[in-house]
């Protein structure tokens, strides 16, 4: 079940990426920045093969570096997310997953080891609006929502710290319904939403 997807983004991890936000989460992170993605009934169910076809076309059209999976909570749809990530890896794409579960919790979930074998980096930990990631000027990491979240690199693909430093990014897309959709890092996204007015804008933050 998906809340949203975008075929080209540079705000959801290093390089040019395809991003998927899954629908549904029961973790209750303090100050959740994607509250409309919490309900398990809020989005359509999309076959993995359809997403893989979209991913392949986007890779070829946009010269993508990788796939990012966010939410909602990806590990609460472990089988589907694993199949998607395995297919992305087979296409030569780097795979980045944001999860509210800590790595120790994730590792205890049946089937997680199969997902782990298909991804390059896991960003773990519940988003906590009370503990925002410091700004880039203060040494904060880009793409990360709160300071308690950690990077776990299974491969060296995204291990270079320089990939995680720089100014925050927010992107604007025009959806199929003609409405403006924003995505990006929570603090920068909220500042833009405050300026634009949330009634005319859909948004999705770049943390799980």
N, C-alpha and C. Protein backbone atom coordinates (compact mmCIF):
# COMPACT_ATOMS: atom_id res chain seq x y z
N UNK A 1 0.84 -1.19 0.00
CA UNK A 1 0.00 0.00 0.00
C UNK A 1 0.87 1.24 0.00
N UNK A 2 0.62 2.13 -0.92
CA UNK A 2 1.45 3.31 -1.08
C UNK A 2 0.70 4.58 -0.73
N UNK A 3 1.43 5.53 -0.17
CA UNK A 3 0.90 6.87 0.03
C UNK A 3 1.26 7.76 -1.14
N UNK A 4 2.47 7.57 -1.70
CA UNK A 4 2.94 8.42 -2.80
C UNK A 4 4.18 7.80 -3.41
N UNK A 5 4.51 8.28 -4.59
CA UNK A 5 5.78 7.92 -5.22
C UNK A 5 6.15 9.03 -6.18
N UNK A 6 7.45 9.19 -6.43
CA UNK A 6 7.94 10.18 -7.37
C UNK A 6 9.09 9.55 -8.14
N UNK A 7 9.11 9.77 -9.45
CA UNK A 7 10.06 9.06 -10.30
C UNK A 7 11.43 9.72 -10.36
N UNK A 8 11.55 10.96 -9.89
CA UNK A 8 12.85 11.64 -9.89
C UNK A 8 12.89 12.63 -8.74
N UNK A 9 13.83 12.43 -7.82
CA UNK A 9 14.02 13.34 -6.71
C UNK A 9 15.49 13.38 -6.34
N UNK A 10 15.93 14.53 -5.86
CA UNK A 10 17.27 14.64 -5.28
C UNK A 10 17.18 15.07 -3.82
N UNK A 11 15.96 15.01 -3.25
CA UNK A 11 15.75 15.42 -1.86
C UNK A 11 15.58 14.25 -0.91
N UNK A 12 15.66 13.02 -1.43
CA UNK A 12 15.38 11.85 -0.59
C UNK A 12 16.57 10.91 -0.49
N UNK A 13 17.76 11.46 -0.58
CA UNK A 13 18.97 10.66 -0.48
C UNK A 13 19.97 11.08 -1.54
N UNK A 14 21.18 10.53 -1.47
CA UNK A 14 22.24 10.93 -2.40
C UNK A 14 21.90 10.62 -3.85
N UNK A 15 22.13 11.59 -4.73
CA UNK A 15 21.95 11.38 -6.15
C UNK A 15 20.51 11.47 -6.61
N UNK A 16 20.30 11.07 -7.87
CA UNK A 16 18.97 11.12 -8.49
C UNK A 16 18.24 9.82 -8.16
N UNK A 17 17.04 9.92 -7.57
CA UNK A 17 16.42 8.75 -7.00
C UNK A 17 14.93 8.64 -7.35
N UNK A 18 14.44 7.43 -7.30
CA UNK A 18 13.02 7.11 -7.30
C UNK A 18 12.63 6.95 -5.85
N UNK A 19 11.55 7.60 -5.39
CA UNK A 19 11.14 7.53 -3.99
C UNK A 19 9.74 6.97 -3.87
N UNK A 20 9.56 6.09 -2.88
CA UNK A 20 8.28 5.46 -2.58
C UNK A 20 7.96 5.69 -1.11
N UNK A 21 6.79 6.26 -0.84
CA UNK A 21 6.29 6.39 0.53
C UNK A 21 5.20 5.34 0.74
N UNK A 22 5.43 4.40 1.65
CA UNK A 22 4.41 3.38 1.92
C UNK A 22 3.34 3.96 2.84
N UNK A 23 2.16 3.36 2.81
CA UNK A 23 1.04 3.81 3.63
C UNK A 23 0.92 2.91 4.86
N UNK A 24 0.71 3.53 6.02
CA UNK A 24 0.46 2.78 7.24
C UNK A 24 1.65 2.75 8.18
N UNK A 25 1.37 3.10 9.46
CA UNK A 25 2.42 3.04 10.50
C UNK A 25 1.73 3.06 11.86
N UNK A 26 2.20 2.22 12.77
CA UNK A 26 1.64 2.15 14.11
C UNK A 26 2.63 2.60 15.19
N UNK A 27 3.76 3.17 14.81
CA UNK A 27 4.81 3.46 15.77
C UNK A 27 4.53 4.70 16.62
N UNK A 28 3.78 5.66 16.09
CA UNK A 28 3.44 6.84 16.88
C UNK A 28 4.62 7.72 17.23
N UNK A 29 5.43 8.06 16.26
CA UNK A 29 6.60 8.91 16.51
C UNK A 29 6.16 10.30 16.99
N UNK A 30 6.86 10.86 17.98
CA UNK A 30 6.49 12.19 18.49
C UNK A 30 6.57 13.26 17.41
N UNK A 31 5.45 13.92 17.15
CA UNK A 31 5.44 14.98 16.15
C UNK A 31 5.55 14.47 14.74
N UNK A 32 5.01 13.30 14.45
CA UNK A 32 5.09 12.69 13.11
C UNK A 32 4.87 13.74 12.02
N UNK A 33 5.76 13.74 11.05
CA UNK A 33 5.68 14.75 9.99
C UNK A 33 4.91 14.26 8.78
N UNK A 34 4.46 13.00 8.78
CA UNK A 34 3.63 12.47 7.70
C UNK A 34 2.36 11.83 8.29
N UNK A 35 1.57 12.57 9.06
CA UNK A 35 0.44 11.96 9.77
C UNK A 35 -0.61 11.35 8.85
N UNK A 36 -0.76 11.87 7.64
CA UNK A 36 -1.78 11.30 6.75
C UNK A 36 -1.36 9.93 6.22
N UNK A 37 -0.11 9.53 6.48
CA UNK A 37 0.35 8.21 6.04
C UNK A 37 0.23 7.15 7.13
N UNK A 38 -0.35 7.49 8.29
CA UNK A 38 -0.42 6.55 9.40
C UNK A 38 -1.49 5.49 9.19
N UNK A 39 -2.64 5.86 8.65
CA UNK A 39 -3.74 4.92 8.49
C UNK A 39 -3.37 3.83 7.48
N UNK A 40 -3.69 2.57 7.78
CA UNK A 40 -3.41 1.51 6.81
C UNK A 40 -4.37 1.52 5.63
N UNK A 41 -5.37 2.40 5.65
CA UNK A 41 -6.37 2.44 4.58
C UNK A 41 -6.26 3.71 3.73
N UNK A 42 -5.17 4.42 3.86
CA UNK A 42 -5.10 5.72 3.22
C UNK A 42 -4.59 5.76 1.81
N UNK A 43 -4.11 4.62 1.27
CA UNK A 43 -3.52 4.66 -0.06
C UNK A 43 -3.88 3.44 -0.88
N UNK A 44 -3.65 3.48 -2.18
CA UNK A 44 -3.95 2.35 -3.05
C UNK A 44 -2.94 1.22 -2.90
N UNK A 45 -3.35 0.01 -3.20
CA UNK A 45 -2.44 -1.13 -3.23
C UNK A 45 -1.92 -1.29 -4.66
N UNK A 46 -0.60 -1.26 -4.81
CA UNK A 46 0.05 -1.32 -6.13
C UNK A 46 0.87 -2.60 -6.21
N UNK A 47 0.68 -3.44 -7.22
CA UNK A 47 1.52 -4.63 -7.36
C UNK A 47 3.01 -4.25 -7.49
N UNK A 48 3.86 -5.03 -6.88
CA UNK A 48 5.29 -4.74 -6.94
C UNK A 48 5.78 -4.71 -8.38
N UNK A 49 5.26 -5.61 -9.21
CA UNK A 49 5.72 -5.66 -10.60
C UNK A 49 5.43 -4.35 -11.33
N UNK A 50 4.32 -3.68 -10.97
CA UNK A 50 4.00 -2.39 -11.58
C UNK A 50 5.03 -1.35 -11.15
N UNK A 51 5.36 -1.34 -9.87
CA UNK A 51 6.38 -0.40 -9.38
C UNK A 51 7.74 -0.67 -10.02
N UNK A 52 8.07 -1.94 -10.18
CA UNK A 52 9.36 -2.28 -10.79
C UNK A 52 9.41 -1.81 -12.24
N UNK A 53 8.30 -1.95 -12.96
CA UNK A 53 8.26 -1.45 -14.34
C UNK A 53 8.46 0.06 -14.37
N UNK A 54 7.80 0.78 -13.44
CA UNK A 54 7.98 2.23 -13.36
C UNK A 54 9.43 2.57 -13.02
N UNK A 55 9.98 1.81 -12.09
CA UNK A 55 11.36 2.05 -11.66
C UNK A 55 12.34 1.86 -12.80
N UNK A 56 12.13 0.82 -13.58
CA UNK A 56 13.03 0.54 -14.72
C UNK A 56 12.95 1.67 -15.75
N UNK A 57 11.73 2.12 -16.04
CA UNK A 57 11.58 3.21 -17.01
C UNK A 57 12.21 4.50 -16.49
N UNK A 58 12.00 4.78 -15.20
CA UNK A 58 12.58 5.99 -14.61
C UNK A 58 14.10 5.93 -14.59
N UNK A 59 14.64 4.74 -14.29
CA UNK A 59 16.11 4.58 -14.31
C UNK A 59 16.67 4.96 -15.66
N UNK A 60 16.04 4.46 -16.72
CA UNK A 60 16.54 4.70 -18.06
C UNK A 60 16.32 6.14 -18.50
N UNK A 61 15.18 6.72 -18.11
CA UNK A 61 14.85 8.08 -18.54
C UNK A 61 15.64 9.13 -17.79
N UNK A 62 15.84 8.90 -16.49
CA UNK A 62 16.45 9.94 -15.64
C UNK A 62 17.86 9.61 -15.18
N UNK A 63 18.41 8.50 -15.64
CA UNK A 63 19.75 8.07 -15.19
C UNK A 63 19.83 8.06 -13.66
N UNK A 64 18.95 7.29 -13.06
CA UNK A 64 18.84 7.27 -11.60
C UNK A 64 20.03 6.60 -10.95
N UNK A 65 20.33 7.07 -9.74
CA UNK A 65 21.32 6.45 -8.88
C UNK A 65 20.67 5.37 -8.00
N UNK A 66 19.44 5.62 -7.53
CA UNK A 66 18.91 4.65 -6.59
C UNK A 66 17.44 4.79 -6.29
N UNK A 67 17.01 3.96 -5.35
CA UNK A 67 15.65 3.91 -4.83
C UNK A 67 15.67 4.26 -3.35
N UNK A 68 14.71 5.09 -2.92
CA UNK A 68 14.51 5.37 -1.50
C UNK A 68 13.10 4.93 -1.11
N UNK A 69 13.00 4.21 0.01
CA UNK A 69 11.70 3.77 0.53
C UNK A 69 11.50 4.41 1.90
N UNK A 70 10.36 5.12 2.05
CA UNK A 70 10.05 5.83 3.29
C UNK A 70 8.60 5.52 3.66
N UNK A 71 8.07 6.31 4.61
CA UNK A 71 6.69 6.05 4.98
C UNK A 71 6.07 7.17 5.78
N UNK A 72 4.99 6.76 6.46
CA UNK A 72 4.61 5.40 6.81
C UNK A 72 5.78 4.61 7.37
N UNK A 73 5.57 3.29 7.48
CA UNK A 73 6.65 2.44 8.00
C UNK A 73 6.91 1.27 7.05
N UNK A 74 8.04 1.32 6.33
CA UNK A 74 8.35 0.26 5.37
C UNK A 74 8.39 -1.14 5.97
N UNK A 75 8.86 -1.28 7.20
CA UNK A 75 9.01 -2.62 7.76
C UNK A 75 7.69 -3.24 8.18
N UNK A 76 6.62 -2.46 8.15
CA UNK A 76 5.30 -3.03 8.40
C UNK A 76 4.67 -3.55 7.12
N UNK A 77 5.38 -3.44 6.00
CA UNK A 77 5.01 -4.10 4.75
C UNK A 77 6.26 -4.82 4.22
N UNK A 78 6.81 -5.65 5.07
CA UNK A 78 8.15 -6.18 4.84
C UNK A 78 8.26 -7.00 3.56
N UNK A 79 7.27 -7.85 3.27
CA UNK A 79 7.38 -8.71 2.09
C UNK A 79 7.40 -7.90 0.80
N UNK A 80 6.47 -6.95 0.68
CA UNK A 80 6.42 -6.14 -0.52
C UNK A 80 7.62 -5.24 -0.68
N UNK A 81 8.04 -4.62 0.42
CA UNK A 81 9.21 -3.74 0.37
C UNK A 81 10.46 -4.53 0.02
N UNK A 82 10.58 -5.73 0.57
CA UNK A 82 11.74 -6.57 0.25
C UNK A 82 11.78 -6.90 -1.24
N UNK A 83 10.63 -7.29 -1.79
CA UNK A 83 10.57 -7.63 -3.22
C UNK A 83 10.94 -6.43 -4.08
N UNK A 84 10.47 -5.24 -3.69
CA UNK A 84 10.80 -4.03 -4.44
C UNK A 84 12.29 -3.72 -4.36
N UNK A 85 12.85 -3.82 -3.18
CA UNK A 85 14.27 -3.51 -3.00
C UNK A 85 15.16 -4.52 -3.71
N UNK A 86 14.79 -5.78 -3.69
CA UNK A 86 15.56 -6.79 -4.42
C UNK A 86 15.55 -6.50 -5.91
N UNK A 87 14.40 -6.08 -6.43
CA UNK A 87 14.32 -5.76 -7.86
C UNK A 87 15.15 -4.53 -8.18
N UNK A 88 15.13 -3.53 -7.30
CA UNK A 88 15.93 -2.33 -7.53
C UNK A 88 17.42 -2.66 -7.54
N UNK A 89 17.85 -3.50 -6.62
CA UNK A 89 19.26 -3.90 -6.59
C UNK A 89 19.63 -4.65 -7.86
N UNK A 90 18.72 -5.51 -8.35
CA UNK A 90 18.98 -6.25 -9.58
C UNK A 90 19.08 -5.33 -10.79
N UNK A 91 18.46 -4.15 -10.70
CA UNK A 91 18.56 -3.15 -11.77
C UNK A 91 19.82 -2.29 -11.64
N UNK A 92 20.64 -2.59 -10.66
CA UNK A 92 21.88 -1.84 -10.47
C UNK A 92 21.73 -0.57 -9.68
N UNK A 93 20.59 -0.40 -9.01
CA UNK A 93 20.33 0.82 -8.25
C UNK A 93 20.74 0.65 -6.79
N UNK A 94 21.21 1.74 -6.20
CA UNK A 94 21.44 1.75 -4.77
C UNK A 94 20.11 1.83 -4.03
N UNK A 95 20.04 1.21 -2.86
CA UNK A 95 18.78 1.13 -2.13
C UNK A 95 18.95 1.72 -0.73
N UNK A 96 18.08 2.67 -0.42
CA UNK A 96 18.08 3.37 0.86
C UNK A 96 16.69 3.23 1.47
N UNK A 97 16.62 2.77 2.73
CA UNK A 97 15.35 2.59 3.43
C UNK A 97 15.38 3.39 4.72
N UNK A 98 14.31 4.16 4.95
CA UNK A 98 14.11 4.87 6.21
C UNK A 98 13.10 4.08 7.04
N UNK A 99 13.46 3.75 8.28
CA UNK A 99 12.54 3.02 9.16
C UNK A 99 12.52 3.65 10.54
N UNK A 100 11.33 3.69 11.14
CA UNK A 100 11.23 4.15 12.52
C UNK A 100 11.73 3.14 13.53
N UNK A 101 11.84 1.88 13.12
CA UNK A 101 12.40 0.86 14.01
C UNK A 101 13.91 1.07 14.16
N UNK A 102 14.41 0.90 15.35
CA UNK A 102 15.85 0.85 15.52
C UNK A 102 16.38 -0.44 14.91
N UNK A 103 17.63 -0.40 14.52
CA UNK A 103 18.21 -1.56 13.84
C UNK A 103 18.06 -2.83 14.67
N UNK A 104 18.22 -2.68 15.98
CA UNK A 104 18.11 -3.85 16.86
C UNK A 104 16.70 -4.43 16.82
N UNK A 105 15.69 -3.57 16.73
CA UNK A 105 14.31 -4.03 16.62
C UNK A 105 14.06 -4.66 15.25
N UNK A 106 14.57 -3.99 14.22
CA UNK A 106 14.37 -4.48 12.85
C UNK A 106 14.98 -5.86 12.67
N UNK A 107 16.16 -6.05 13.21
CA UNK A 107 16.87 -7.32 13.04
C UNK A 107 16.12 -8.48 13.66
N UNK A 108 15.28 -8.19 14.65
CA UNK A 108 14.50 -9.24 15.32
C UNK A 108 13.23 -9.61 14.56
N UNK A 109 12.88 -8.84 13.52
CA UNK A 109 11.66 -9.12 12.76
C UNK A 109 11.91 -10.26 11.76
N UNK A 110 11.05 -11.26 11.76
CA UNK A 110 11.21 -12.35 10.78
C UNK A 110 11.21 -11.80 9.35
N UNK A 111 12.20 -12.18 8.58
CA UNK A 111 12.30 -11.74 7.20
C UNK A 111 13.16 -10.51 6.98
N UNK A 112 13.55 -9.82 8.06
CA UNK A 112 14.34 -8.61 7.86
C UNK A 112 15.69 -8.90 7.23
N UNK A 113 16.27 -10.04 7.56
CA UNK A 113 17.61 -10.34 7.03
C UNK A 113 17.60 -10.38 5.50
N UNK A 114 16.48 -10.81 4.91
CA UNK A 114 16.38 -10.84 3.46
C UNK A 114 16.35 -9.42 2.90
N UNK A 115 15.59 -8.54 3.55
CA UNK A 115 15.59 -7.14 3.14
C UNK A 115 16.98 -6.53 3.31
N UNK A 116 17.62 -6.77 4.43
CA UNK A 116 18.94 -6.22 4.71
C UNK A 116 19.93 -6.58 3.61
N UNK A 117 19.83 -7.79 3.09
CA UNK A 117 20.73 -8.24 2.03
C UNK A 117 20.50 -7.49 0.71
N UNK A 118 19.36 -6.79 0.60
CA UNK A 118 19.01 -6.12 -0.66
C UNK A 118 19.23 -4.61 -0.61
N UNK A 119 19.59 -4.06 0.57
CA UNK A 119 19.72 -2.62 0.67
C UNK A 119 21.18 -2.23 0.92
N UNK A 120 21.47 -0.97 0.66
CA UNK A 120 22.81 -0.44 0.91
C UNK A 120 22.90 0.27 2.26
N UNK A 121 21.87 1.07 2.58
CA UNK A 121 21.89 1.84 3.83
C UNK A 121 20.50 1.87 4.43
N UNK A 122 20.44 1.66 5.75
CA UNK A 122 19.21 1.82 6.51
C UNK A 122 19.36 3.02 7.42
N UNK A 123 18.39 3.93 7.38
CA UNK A 123 18.30 5.03 8.34
C UNK A 123 17.29 4.60 9.39
N UNK A 124 17.70 4.49 10.63
CA UNK A 124 16.81 3.91 11.64
C UNK A 124 16.42 4.92 12.71
N UNK A 125 15.41 4.58 13.48
CA UNK A 125 15.00 5.37 14.63
C UNK A 125 13.74 6.18 14.40
N UNK A 126 12.93 6.28 15.42
CA UNK A 126 11.68 7.01 15.33
C UNK A 126 11.94 8.51 15.16
N UNK A 127 11.25 9.11 14.21
CA UNK A 127 11.36 10.56 14.05
C UNK A 127 10.86 11.24 15.32
N UNK A 128 11.63 12.20 15.81
CA UNK A 128 11.27 12.92 17.04
C UNK A 128 11.39 14.41 16.78
N UNK A 129 10.25 15.07 16.64
CA UNK A 129 10.25 16.51 16.35
C UNK A 129 10.89 17.32 17.47
N UNK A 130 11.01 16.73 18.66
CA UNK A 130 11.64 17.44 19.79
C UNK A 130 13.16 17.41 19.69
N UNK A 131 13.69 16.62 18.77
CA UNK A 131 15.15 16.46 18.62
C UNK A 131 15.54 16.66 17.16
N UNK A 132 15.32 17.84 16.62
CA UNK A 132 15.60 18.04 15.19
C UNK A 132 17.08 17.88 14.88
N UNK A 133 17.35 17.41 13.70
CA UNK A 133 18.74 17.33 13.22
C UNK A 133 19.30 18.74 13.13
N UNK A 134 20.52 18.96 13.61
CA UNK A 134 21.12 20.30 13.51
C UNK A 134 21.22 20.77 12.07
N UNK A 135 21.34 22.07 11.90
CA UNK A 135 21.51 22.62 10.56
C UNK A 135 22.85 22.20 9.98
N UNK A 136 22.97 22.37 8.67
CA UNK A 136 24.23 22.03 8.00
C UNK A 136 25.38 22.86 8.56
N UNK A 137 25.12 24.12 8.90
CA UNK A 137 26.17 24.98 9.46
C UNK A 137 26.66 24.48 10.80
N UNK A 138 25.80 23.73 11.51
CA UNK A 138 26.18 23.18 12.81
C UNK A 138 26.56 21.72 12.74
N UNK A 139 26.85 21.25 11.54
CA UNK A 139 27.34 19.89 11.37
C UNK A 139 26.27 18.83 11.20
N UNK A 140 25.03 19.25 10.99
CA UNK A 140 23.94 18.29 10.82
C UNK A 140 24.01 17.55 9.50
N UNK A 141 23.33 16.42 9.46
CA UNK A 141 23.29 15.58 8.26
C UNK A 141 22.09 15.95 7.40
N UNK A 142 22.26 15.94 6.09
CA UNK A 142 21.13 16.16 5.19
C UNK A 142 20.33 14.87 5.06
N UNK A 143 19.08 15.00 4.67
CA UNK A 143 18.13 13.91 4.46
C UNK A 143 17.63 13.28 5.76
N UNK A 144 18.15 13.72 6.91
CA UNK A 144 17.83 13.11 8.20
C UNK A 144 16.91 14.04 8.97
N UNK A 145 15.85 13.48 9.59
CA UNK A 145 14.87 14.32 10.25
C UNK A 145 15.21 14.71 11.67
N UNK A 146 15.67 13.74 12.49
CA UNK A 146 15.95 14.05 13.89
C UNK A 146 17.28 13.44 14.32
N UNK A 147 17.88 14.05 15.33
CA UNK A 147 19.27 13.74 15.68
C UNK A 147 19.46 12.34 16.25
N UNK A 148 18.38 11.69 16.69
CA UNK A 148 18.49 10.34 17.24
C UNK A 148 18.58 9.27 16.16
N UNK A 149 18.30 9.63 14.92
CA UNK A 149 18.31 8.63 13.85
C UNK A 149 19.73 8.31 13.42
N UNK A 150 19.93 7.04 13.05
CA UNK A 150 21.28 6.55 12.76
C UNK A 150 21.37 5.98 11.34
N UNK A 151 22.59 6.02 10.80
CA UNK A 151 22.88 5.44 9.50
C UNK A 151 23.56 4.09 9.68
N UNK A 152 23.02 3.07 9.03
CA UNK A 152 23.63 1.73 9.05
C UNK A 152 23.95 1.35 7.62
N UNK A 153 25.23 1.28 7.29
CA UNK A 153 25.67 1.01 5.93
C UNK A 153 26.02 -0.47 5.79
N UNK A 154 25.27 -1.18 4.96
CA UNK A 154 25.63 -2.58 4.68
C UNK A 154 26.74 -2.64 3.64
N UNK A 155 26.74 -1.68 2.72
CA UNK A 155 27.78 -1.59 1.70
C UNK A 155 28.45 -0.21 1.79
N UNK A 156 29.46 -0.02 0.96
CA UNK A 156 30.17 1.26 0.96
C UNK A 156 29.51 2.30 0.05
N UNK A 157 28.43 1.96 -0.60
CA UNK A 157 27.85 2.83 -1.63
C UNK A 157 27.53 4.22 -1.10
N UNK A 158 26.97 4.30 0.09
CA UNK A 158 26.59 5.60 0.67
C UNK A 158 27.33 5.87 1.98
N UNK A 159 28.46 5.22 2.15
CA UNK A 159 29.19 5.33 3.42
C UNK A 159 29.93 6.67 3.56
N UNK A 160 30.30 7.30 2.47
CA UNK A 160 31.08 8.55 2.52
C UNK A 160 30.27 9.63 3.25
N UNK A 161 30.76 10.16 4.38
CA UNK A 161 30.01 11.17 5.13
C UNK A 161 29.66 12.40 4.30
N UNK A 162 30.47 12.69 3.27
CA UNK A 162 30.20 13.87 2.45
C UNK A 162 28.85 13.78 1.74
N UNK A 163 28.38 12.55 1.48
CA UNK A 163 27.09 12.38 0.83
C UNK A 163 25.93 12.83 1.71
N UNK A 164 26.16 12.92 3.00
CA UNK A 164 25.11 13.21 3.97
C UNK A 164 25.22 14.62 4.54
N UNK A 165 26.04 15.45 3.93
CA UNK A 165 26.21 16.82 4.40
C UNK A 165 25.91 17.80 3.26
N UNK A 166 25.31 18.91 3.64
CA UNK A 166 24.94 19.92 2.67
C UNK A 166 23.64 20.58 3.08
N UNK A 167 23.21 21.59 2.34
CA UNK A 167 21.98 22.30 2.69
C UNK A 167 20.75 21.43 2.51
N UNK A 168 19.69 21.69 3.28
CA UNK A 168 18.45 20.92 3.13
C UNK A 168 17.80 21.18 1.78
N UNK A 169 17.02 20.20 1.33
CA UNK A 169 16.34 20.33 0.04
C UNK A 169 14.84 20.16 0.21
N UNK A 170 14.10 20.96 -0.55
CA UNK A 170 12.66 20.80 -0.69
C UNK A 170 12.35 20.88 -2.18
N UNK A 171 11.48 20.01 -2.66
CA UNK A 171 11.13 19.98 -4.08
C UNK A 171 9.64 20.21 -4.26
N UNK A 172 9.28 20.74 -5.40
CA UNK A 172 7.89 20.94 -5.76
C UNK A 172 7.59 20.14 -7.03
N UNK A 173 6.49 19.40 -7.00
CA UNK A 173 6.03 18.65 -8.15
C UNK A 173 4.56 18.98 -8.39
N UNK A 174 4.13 18.91 -9.62
CA UNK A 174 2.71 19.04 -9.92
C UNK A 174 2.15 17.64 -10.08
N UNK A 175 1.19 17.28 -9.22
CA UNK A 175 0.62 15.95 -9.24
C UNK A 175 -0.30 15.73 -10.42
N UNK A 176 -0.75 14.46 -10.57
CA UNK A 176 -1.64 14.13 -11.69
C UNK A 176 -2.95 14.88 -11.61
N UNK A 177 -3.34 15.28 -10.39
CA UNK A 177 -4.58 16.04 -10.22
C UNK A 177 -4.37 17.54 -10.38
N UNK A 178 -3.15 17.95 -10.74
CA UNK A 178 -2.85 19.35 -10.96
C UNK A 178 -2.49 20.13 -9.72
N UNK A 179 -2.46 19.46 -8.55
CA UNK A 179 -2.13 20.14 -7.31
C UNK A 179 -0.63 20.13 -7.06
N UNK A 180 -0.18 21.15 -6.34
CA UNK A 180 1.23 21.25 -5.99
C UNK A 180 1.55 20.29 -4.86
N UNK A 181 2.60 19.51 -5.04
CA UNK A 181 3.05 18.54 -4.03
C UNK A 181 4.49 18.87 -3.68
N UNK A 182 4.77 18.94 -2.38
CA UNK A 182 6.12 19.23 -1.91
C UNK A 182 6.68 18.02 -1.19
N UNK A 183 7.98 17.80 -1.31
CA UNK A 183 8.65 16.79 -0.51
C UNK A 183 10.04 17.29 -0.15
N UNK A 184 10.57 16.77 0.96
CA UNK A 184 11.90 17.17 1.38
C UNK A 184 12.08 17.05 2.87
N UNK A 185 13.13 17.69 3.38
CA UNK A 185 13.49 17.55 4.78
C UNK A 185 12.50 18.31 5.66
N UNK A 186 12.15 17.73 6.81
CA UNK A 186 11.02 18.23 7.60
C UNK A 186 11.08 19.71 7.97
N UNK A 187 12.19 20.19 8.51
CA UNK A 187 12.24 21.58 8.96
C UNK A 187 12.10 22.55 7.79
N UNK A 188 12.83 22.28 6.71
CA UNK A 188 12.75 23.15 5.54
C UNK A 188 11.37 23.07 4.90
N UNK A 189 10.80 21.87 4.89
CA UNK A 189 9.48 21.68 4.31
C UNK A 189 8.43 22.45 5.11
N UNK A 190 8.51 22.37 6.44
CA UNK A 190 7.53 23.07 7.26
C UNK A 190 7.64 24.58 7.09
N UNK A 191 8.85 25.08 6.97
CA UNK A 191 9.02 26.52 6.76
C UNK A 191 8.37 26.97 5.47
N UNK A 192 8.51 26.15 4.42
CA UNK A 192 7.90 26.51 3.14
C UNK A 192 6.38 26.39 3.21
N UNK A 193 5.89 25.35 3.88
CA UNK A 193 4.45 25.19 4.05
C UNK A 193 3.84 26.37 4.80
N UNK A 194 4.54 26.82 5.83
CA UNK A 194 4.05 27.98 6.59
C UNK A 194 3.95 29.20 5.70
N UNK A 195 4.91 29.34 4.78
CA UNK A 195 4.91 30.50 3.90
C UNK A 195 3.82 30.41 2.83
N UNK A 196 3.57 29.18 2.32
CA UNK A 196 2.63 29.00 1.23
C UNK A 196 1.19 28.83 1.69
N UNK A 197 1.01 28.21 2.86
CA UNK A 197 -0.34 27.87 3.31
C UNK A 197 -0.64 26.42 3.01
N UNK A 198 -0.89 25.62 4.05
CA UNK A 198 -1.02 24.18 3.88
C UNK A 198 -2.30 23.77 3.17
N UNK A 199 -3.30 24.63 3.07
CA UNK A 199 -4.57 24.23 2.49
C UNK A 199 -4.47 23.98 0.99
N UNK A 200 -3.46 24.51 0.35
CA UNK A 200 -3.36 24.35 -1.10
C UNK A 200 -2.18 23.46 -1.49
N UNK A 201 -1.54 22.83 -0.52
CA UNK A 201 -0.34 22.07 -0.81
C UNK A 201 -0.39 20.72 -0.11
N UNK A 202 -0.11 19.63 -0.83
CA UNK A 202 0.16 18.34 -0.22
C UNK A 202 1.64 18.26 0.06
N UNK A 203 2.01 17.59 1.16
CA UNK A 203 3.43 17.50 1.48
C UNK A 203 3.76 16.12 2.01
N UNK A 204 5.04 15.76 1.87
CA UNK A 204 5.53 14.52 2.45
C UNK A 204 6.98 14.72 2.83
N UNK A 205 7.27 14.44 4.05
CA UNK A 205 8.62 14.68 4.55
C UNK A 205 9.50 13.47 4.27
N UNK A 206 10.79 13.70 4.26
CA UNK A 206 11.74 12.68 3.81
C UNK A 206 12.28 11.88 4.98
N UNK A 207 11.42 11.52 5.92
CA UNK A 207 11.83 10.60 6.98
C UNK A 207 10.75 9.56 7.15
N UNK A 208 11.17 8.36 7.57
CA UNK A 208 10.21 7.30 7.75
C UNK A 208 9.46 7.43 9.05
